[in-house]
Amino acid sequence: MRNLIRRLTSRPSTPRGPLRPAQIRDRRFTVRRHGLDPFEIRTFLHEVADELAVAQTALVAVREENVRIRRALHAWQGGQSGKHRYR
């Protein structure tokens, strides 16, 4: 999970921003003679979009937890600094 989050956060975004599940679902391809099966492509894109949505939701939760932990750490450190008195 940590590697997935690292890859998602370090991935350079496109000029229009990070890829969203709806962009994957709505993507259209040119149909050519003897091309790929459009139904298979659409099914695959929906699977990828669903996985991306789960990953992005997990990333948001991890970032929120990170903020909570940092705040708690800072509060704890602030409380600890008053307990150490040097003579």
Foldseek 3Di string as FASTA:
>chain_A
DVVLLVCVVVPDDDPVGHDALVCLLPDDDDDDVVDDDPVVSNVVSNVVNVVVVVSVVVNVVVVVVVVVVVVVVVVVVVVVVVVDDDD
